[in-house]
Amino acid sequence: MIGIAALVVGIVLGLVFHPSVPDVIQPYLPIAVVAALDAVFGGLRAYLERIFDSKVFVISFVFNVLVAAIIVFVGDQLGVGTQLSTAIIVVLGIRIFGNAAALRRRLFGA
């Protein structure tokens, strides 16, 4: 319940204050969002399988975002940032859809 309330408060604050993202961070934001979604879907799957551990979830969440950002940063320094960003999105997308399929099987038995 606290998580849902925090989500609603965050959305309302975002709509009221219209925060802007600095230009330096903009290339990393989509990657961070997808990495965070991967951790969230993995956490939901673990919760439904009754193996959820909040410590593992938080570490996974932070680690996914940091590793993805570091890979994109290194790619930008090497001049191949776009290609590495695409690779990260594909890998994390595959993981998200795998977790979504497991959630579907668990919830609907299909």
N, C-alpha and C. Protein backbone atom coordinates (compact mmCIF):
# COMPACT_ATOMS: atom_id res chain seq x y z
N MET A 1 0.82 -1.19 0.00
CA MET A 1 0.00 0.00 0.00
C MET A 1 0.87 1.26 0.00
N ILE A 2 1.97 1.21 0.75
CA ILE A 2 2.87 2.37 0.80
C ILE A 2 3.49 2.61 -0.58
N GLY A 3 3.82 1.54 -1.28
CA GLY A 3 4.40 1.67 -2.61
C GLY A 3 3.45 2.34 -3.59
N ILE A 4 2.18 1.96 -3.54
CA ILE A 4 1.19 2.57 -4.43
C ILE A 4 1.00 4.04 -4.10
N ALA A 5 0.94 4.36 -2.80
CA ALA A 5 0.81 5.75 -2.38
C ALA A 5 2.01 6.57 -2.85
N ALA A 6 3.21 6.01 -2.71
CA ALA A 6 4.42 6.71 -3.15
C ALA A 6 4.41 6.92 -4.66
N LEU A 7 3.93 5.93 -5.40
CA LEU A 7 3.84 6.06 -6.86
C LEU A 7 2.88 7.19 -7.24
N VAL A 8 1.72 7.23 -6.59
CA VAL A 8 0.73 8.28 -6.88
C VAL A 8 1.31 9.66 -6.53
N VAL A 9 1.95 9.77 -5.37
CA VAL A 9 2.55 11.06 -4.97
C VAL A 9 3.63 11.47 -5.97
N GLY A 10 4.44 10.53 -6.41
CA GLY A 10 5.49 10.83 -7.38
C GLY A 10 4.93 11.30 -8.71
N ILE A 11 3.86 10.66 -9.18
CA ILE A 11 3.24 11.07 -10.44
C ILE A 11 2.65 12.47 -10.31
N VAL A 12 1.96 12.73 -9.20
CA VAL A 12 1.36 14.06 -8.99
C VAL A 12 2.45 15.13 -8.92
N LEU A 13 3.52 14.86 -8.18
CA LEU A 13 4.62 15.84 -8.09
C LEU A 13 5.26 16.08 -9.45
N GLY A 14 5.41 15.03 -10.24
CA GLY A 14 5.97 15.18 -11.58
C GLY A 14 5.08 16.02 -12.48
N LEU A 15 3.77 15.84 -12.37
CA LEU A 15 2.84 16.62 -13.18
C LEU A 15 2.79 18.08 -12.74
N VAL A 16 2.94 18.33 -11.45
CA VAL A 16 2.85 19.69 -10.93
C VAL A 16 4.14 20.48 -11.21
N PHE A 17 5.29 19.88 -10.95
CA PHE A 17 6.55 20.61 -11.03
C PHE A 17 7.25 20.52 -12.39
N HIS A 18 6.85 19.62 -13.27
CA HIS A 18 7.46 19.45 -14.60
C HIS A 18 8.99 19.41 -14.52
N PRO A 19 9.56 18.39 -13.89
CA PRO A 19 11.02 18.36 -13.76
C PRO A 19 11.68 18.18 -15.13
N SER A 20 12.86 18.74 -15.27
CA SER A 20 13.60 18.58 -16.52
C SER A 20 14.83 17.71 -16.25
N VAL A 21 15.21 16.97 -17.25
CA VAL A 21 16.38 16.09 -17.15
C VAL A 21 17.55 16.81 -17.80
N PRO A 22 18.67 16.94 -17.10
CA PRO A 22 19.85 17.60 -17.71
C PRO A 22 20.30 16.85 -18.96
N ASP A 23 20.83 17.61 -19.91
CA ASP A 23 21.26 17.03 -21.18
C ASP A 23 22.30 15.94 -21.01
N VAL A 24 23.13 16.05 -19.98
CA VAL A 24 24.19 15.06 -19.75
C VAL A 24 23.61 13.70 -19.39
N ILE A 25 22.47 13.69 -18.71
CA ILE A 25 21.88 12.44 -18.22
C ILE A 25 20.90 11.83 -19.22
N GLN A 26 20.43 12.60 -20.19
CA GLN A 26 19.39 12.13 -21.10
C GLN A 26 19.70 10.82 -21.82
N PRO A 27 20.92 10.56 -22.26
CA PRO A 27 21.17 9.27 -22.93
C PRO A 27 21.02 8.06 -22.00
N TYR A 28 21.17 8.28 -20.70
CA TYR A 28 21.14 7.18 -19.75
C TYR A 28 19.75 6.91 -19.18
N LEU A 29 18.85 7.86 -19.28
CA LEU A 29 17.53 7.72 -18.66
C LEU A 29 16.72 6.56 -19.22
N PRO A 30 16.59 6.40 -20.54
CA PRO A 30 15.81 5.25 -21.03
C PRO A 30 16.40 3.91 -20.61
N ILE A 31 17.72 3.83 -20.60
CA ILE A 31 18.39 2.60 -20.19
C ILE A 31 18.10 2.32 -18.72
N ALA A 32 18.16 3.35 -17.90
CA ALA A 32 17.90 3.19 -16.47
C ALA A 32 16.46 2.76 -16.23
N VAL A 33 15.53 3.31 -16.99
CA VAL A 33 14.12 2.93 -16.83
C VAL A 33 13.91 1.47 -17.19
N VAL A 34 14.49 1.03 -18.30
CA VAL A 34 14.32 -0.37 -18.72
C VAL A 34 15.01 -1.30 -17.72
N ALA A 35 16.17 -0.93 -17.22
CA ALA A 35 16.85 -1.75 -16.21
C ALA A 35 16.01 -1.83 -14.93
N ALA A 36 15.40 -0.72 -14.55
CA ALA A 36 14.53 -0.73 -13.36
C ALA A 36 13.30 -1.60 -13.59
N LEU A 37 12.71 -1.52 -14.79
CA LEU A 37 11.56 -2.37 -15.10
C LEU A 37 11.92 -3.85 -15.04
N ASP A 38 13.13 -4.18 -15.49
CA ASP A 38 13.58 -5.57 -15.40
C ASP A 38 13.61 -6.03 -13.95
N ALA A 39 14.12 -5.19 -13.06
CA ALA A 39 14.16 -5.55 -11.64
C ALA A 39 12.76 -5.67 -11.06
N VAL A 40 11.86 -4.78 -11.46
CA VAL A 40 10.48 -4.81 -10.94
C VAL A 40 9.77 -6.08 -11.39
N PHE A 41 9.88 -6.43 -12.67
CA PHE A 41 9.23 -7.65 -13.15
C PHE A 41 9.85 -8.89 -12.51
N GLY A 42 11.16 -8.87 -12.31
CA GLY A 42 11.80 -9.98 -11.60
C GLY A 42 11.32 -10.08 -10.16
N GLY A 43 11.13 -8.93 -9.51
CA GLY A 43 10.61 -8.92 -8.15
C GLY A 43 9.18 -9.44 -8.07
N LEU A 44 8.35 -9.05 -9.04
CA LEU A 44 6.97 -9.56 -9.08
C LEU A 44 6.95 -11.07 -9.27
N ARG A 45 7.81 -11.54 -10.15
CA ARG A 45 7.88 -12.99 -10.39
C ARG A 45 8.32 -13.72 -9.11
N ALA A 46 9.34 -13.19 -8.45
CA ALA A 46 9.81 -13.81 -7.21
C ALA A 46 8.73 -13.77 -6.13
N TYR A 47 7.98 -12.69 -6.08
CA TYR A 47 6.90 -12.57 -5.08
C TYR A 47 5.84 -13.64 -5.31
N LEU A 48 5.45 -13.83 -6.57
CA LEU A 48 4.44 -14.84 -6.87
C LEU A 48 4.95 -16.25 -6.66
N GLU A 49 6.25 -16.45 -6.81
CA GLU A 49 6.84 -17.77 -6.57
C GLU A 49 7.22 -17.95 -5.10
N ARG A 50 6.91 -16.96 -4.28
CA ARG A 50 7.15 -16.97 -2.84
C ARG A 50 8.64 -17.11 -2.48
N ILE A 51 9.49 -16.52 -3.31
CA ILE A 51 10.92 -16.52 -3.02
C ILE A 51 11.46 -15.09 -2.99
N PHE A 52 10.56 -14.12 -2.84
CA PHE A 52 10.95 -12.71 -2.85
C PHE A 52 11.79 -12.37 -1.62
N ASP A 53 12.87 -11.64 -1.86
CA ASP A 53 13.72 -11.14 -0.78
C ASP A 53 13.98 -9.66 -1.08
N SER A 54 13.57 -8.79 -0.18
CA SER A 54 13.68 -7.35 -0.43
C SER A 54 15.13 -6.92 -0.62
N LYS A 55 16.05 -7.56 0.08
CA LYS A 55 17.46 -7.23 -0.06
C LYS A 55 17.95 -7.55 -1.48
N VAL A 56 17.58 -8.71 -1.98
CA VAL A 56 17.95 -9.10 -3.34
C VAL A 56 17.31 -8.16 -4.35
N PHE A 57 16.06 -7.77 -4.11
CA PHE A 57 15.36 -6.88 -5.03
C PHE A 57 16.07 -5.53 -5.12
N VAL A 58 16.40 -4.94 -3.98
CA VAL A 58 17.04 -3.62 -3.98
C VAL A 58 18.41 -3.69 -4.64
N ILE A 59 19.18 -4.73 -4.32
CA ILE A 59 20.50 -4.88 -4.92
C ILE A 59 20.37 -5.08 -6.43
N SER A 60 19.42 -5.90 -6.86
CA SER A 60 19.19 -6.13 -8.29
C SER A 60 18.80 -4.83 -8.98
N PHE A 61 17.91 -4.08 -8.36
CA PHE A 61 17.44 -2.82 -8.93
C PHE A 61 18.60 -1.85 -9.14
N VAL A 62 19.37 -1.61 -8.10
CA VAL A 62 20.48 -0.66 -8.17
C VAL A 62 21.58 -1.18 -9.11
N PHE A 63 21.91 -2.45 -9.00
CA PHE A 63 22.98 -3.03 -9.80
C PHE A 63 22.63 -2.99 -11.30
N ASN A 64 21.39 -3.35 -11.65
CA ASN A 64 20.98 -3.31 -13.06
C ASN A 64 21.12 -1.91 -13.63
N VAL A 65 20.64 -0.92 -12.89
CA VAL A 65 20.71 0.46 -13.38
C VAL A 65 22.16 0.91 -13.52
N LEU A 66 22.98 0.63 -12.52
CA LEU A 66 24.38 1.07 -12.56
C LEU A 66 25.16 0.39 -13.68
N VAL A 67 25.01 -0.91 -13.81
CA VAL A 67 25.75 -1.63 -14.86
C VAL A 67 25.32 -1.15 -16.24
N ALA A 68 24.02 -0.98 -16.45
CA ALA A 68 23.54 -0.50 -17.74
C ALA A 68 24.09 0.90 -18.04
N ALA A 69 24.09 1.77 -17.04
CA ALA A 69 24.60 3.13 -17.24
C ALA A 69 26.10 3.12 -17.52
N ILE A 70 26.83 2.27 -16.83
CA ILE A 70 28.28 2.19 -17.06
C ILE A 70 28.58 1.67 -18.46
N ILE A 71 27.83 0.67 -18.91
CA ILE A 71 28.05 0.14 -20.26
C ILE A 71 27.77 1.22 -21.30
N VAL A 72 26.69 1.97 -21.13
CA VAL A 72 26.38 3.04 -22.08
C VAL A 72 27.45 4.13 -22.02
N PHE A 73 27.92 4.47 -20.83
CA PHE A 73 28.96 5.48 -20.70
C PHE A 73 30.24 5.05 -21.42
N VAL A 74 30.66 3.82 -21.19
CA VAL A 74 31.85 3.31 -21.87
C VAL A 74 31.64 3.30 -23.38
N GLY A 75 30.44 2.90 -23.81
CA GLY A 75 30.13 2.92 -25.23
C GLY A 75 30.21 4.32 -25.81
N ASP A 76 29.72 5.31 -25.07
CA ASP A 76 29.82 6.70 -25.53
C ASP A 76 31.28 7.13 -25.65
N GLN A 77 32.10 6.73 -24.70
CA GLN A 77 33.52 7.09 -24.75
C GLN A 77 34.23 6.44 -25.93
N LEU A 78 33.77 5.24 -26.31
CA LEU A 78 34.38 4.53 -27.44
C LEU A 78 33.75 4.91 -28.77
N GLY A 79 32.66 5.67 -28.72
CA GLY A 79 31.98 6.08 -29.95
C GLY A 79 30.96 5.08 -30.45
N VAL A 80 30.60 4.11 -29.63
CA VAL A 80 29.61 3.10 -30.03
C VAL A 80 28.45 3.06 -29.04
N GLY A 81 28.13 4.21 -28.45
CA GLY A 81 27.10 4.27 -27.42
C GLY A 81 25.74 3.82 -27.90
N THR A 82 25.38 4.19 -29.14
CA THR A 82 24.07 3.82 -29.68
C THR A 82 23.94 2.32 -29.82
N GLN A 83 24.99 1.67 -30.33
CA GLN A 83 24.94 0.22 -30.50
C GLN A 83 24.85 -0.49 -29.16
N LEU A 84 25.60 -0.03 -28.18
CA LEU A 84 25.54 -0.67 -26.86
C LEU A 84 24.20 -0.40 -26.18
N SER A 85 23.64 0.78 -26.39
CA SER A 85 22.31 1.07 -25.83
C SER A 85 21.29 0.12 -26.41
N THR A 86 21.36 -0.11 -27.71
CA THR A 86 20.43 -1.03 -28.36
C THR A 86 20.62 -2.44 -27.81
N ALA A 87 21.86 -2.86 -27.63
CA ALA A 87 22.12 -4.20 -27.10
C ALA A 87 21.56 -4.35 -25.69
N ILE A 88 21.72 -3.33 -24.87
CA ILE A 88 21.20 -3.39 -23.50
C ILE A 88 19.68 -3.47 -23.51
N ILE A 89 19.05 -2.65 -24.35
CA ILE A 89 17.58 -2.66 -24.44
C ILE A 89 17.09 -4.04 -24.88
N VAL A 90 17.77 -4.65 -25.84
CA VAL A 90 17.36 -5.97 -26.32
C VAL A 90 17.50 -7.01 -25.21
N VAL A 91 18.63 -7.04 -24.54
CA VAL A 91 18.86 -8.03 -23.48
C VAL A 91 17.86 -7.85 -22.35
N LEU A 92 17.71 -6.62 -21.88
CA LEU A 92 16.77 -6.39 -20.78
C LEU A 92 15.33 -6.62 -21.23
N GLY A 93 15.03 -6.30 -22.48
CA GLY A 93 13.69 -6.58 -23.01
C GLY A 93 13.38 -8.06 -23.02
N ILE A 94 14.35 -8.87 -23.41
CA ILE A 94 14.17 -10.33 -23.39
C ILE A 94 13.91 -10.80 -21.97
N ARG A 95 14.66 -10.27 -21.01
CA ARG A 95 14.45 -10.65 -19.60
C ARG A 95 13.07 -10.22 -19.11
N ILE A 96 12.65 -9.01 -19.49
CA ILE A 96 11.33 -8.51 -19.06
C ILE A 96 10.23 -9.39 -19.62
N PHE A 97 10.31 -9.73 -20.91
CA PHE A 97 9.27 -10.57 -21.50
C PHE A 97 9.31 -11.99 -20.95
N GLY A 98 10.50 -12.48 -20.59
CA GLY A 98 10.58 -13.79 -19.94
C GLY A 98 9.90 -13.78 -18.58
N ASN A 99 10.14 -12.73 -17.81
CA ASN A 99 9.47 -12.60 -16.52
C ASN A 99 7.97 -12.39 -16.69
N ALA A 100 7.58 -11.62 -17.71
CA ALA A 100 6.15 -11.40 -17.96
C ALA A 100 5.47 -12.71 -18.34
N ALA A 101 6.15 -13.54 -19.12
CA ALA A 101 5.58 -14.85 -19.48
C ALA A 101 5.44 -15.73 -18.24
N ALA A 102 6.43 -15.70 -17.36
CA ALA A 102 6.34 -16.48 -16.12
C ALA A 102 5.20 -15.96 -15.24
N LEU A 103 5.02 -14.65 -15.20
CA LEU A 103 3.90 -14.07 -14.44
C LEU A 103 2.56 -14.51 -15.03
N ARG A 104 2.47 -14.49 -16.35
CA ARG A 104 1.24 -14.92 -17.02
C ARG A 104 0.94 -16.37 -16.71
N ARG A 105 1.95 -17.23 -16.80
CA ARG A 105 1.74 -18.65 -16.50
C ARG A 105 1.31 -18.84 -15.05
N ARG A 106 1.92 -18.09 -14.14
CA ARG A 106 1.61 -18.22 -12.72
C ARG A 106 0.21 -17.71 -12.40
N LEU A 107 -0.16 -16.59 -12.99
CA LEU A 107 -1.45 -15.98 -12.68
C LEU A 107 -2.62 -16.65 -13.39
N PHE A 108 -2.42 -17.01 -14.65
CA PHE A 108 -3.53 -17.51 -15.46
C PHE A 108 -3.41 -18.99 -15.81
N GLY A 109 -2.30 -19.61 -15.46
CA GLY A 109 -2.12 -21.02 -15.75
C GLY A 109 -2.04 -21.32 -17.23
N ALA A 110 -1.63 -20.33 -18.01
CA ALA A 110 -1.57 -20.53 -19.46
C ALA A 110 -0.17 -20.26 -19.97
